């Protein structure tokens, strides 16, 4: 046990990447879709990409195309979901879904909350799909979080502090996360946000 701890500390001090479930999700996402961001472990997100404190300790800066994960939560049980959720946003941003959604929101301001809710449902579905594709054990959001995660600004352009804030409730988040974990990306199509662009962006299909 002492030797294992020594080797782990040596790897970290030497800058050698240590495998983790969160990194597995990152590797899986980037293998499945082009142009996705790298995962960067940092001591603190606040001050990066114009971000304030992010309670979950994870954020996606679209300006830099980087996902940040704070070291304090990188090994926590919820870390794979945090990373997978942010890669869900990244897939949308890098493959046209976010552009389509923004155009719809600008044209239909009275329906903005509903449209953003559909976008967020798809994000959680993609997150579940990535968890399953990475070969991780099934997860349940209520088991990982006391309340709905990611309701504050956690993705967007610099300054990230003014990024979208959306709440769809824990029940809806969990429903679409579970749909994604069944492993069928085609099912990640809530309402008018179909999975067509997602499927077209997949590099390799099983």
Foldseek 3Di string as FASTA:
>chain_A
DVVVVVVVVVCVVVVHDDDALQQLLQVLLCQFFPPAAHEDEDQACDPPLQAHHFVQQWAAAPAVRYIYHYPVCCRPPCNLLRSQLRSLVRLCVVQPVVVVLVVVCVVCVVCNQVSVLLSSLLSLLSSLLSCQSSVHDDDAVVVVDVWDHQQAQGYDGGVSNPHDGHDPTSVSSRVSNVNNNVNDLQVSAPDPRGSVSVVVRTPDDD
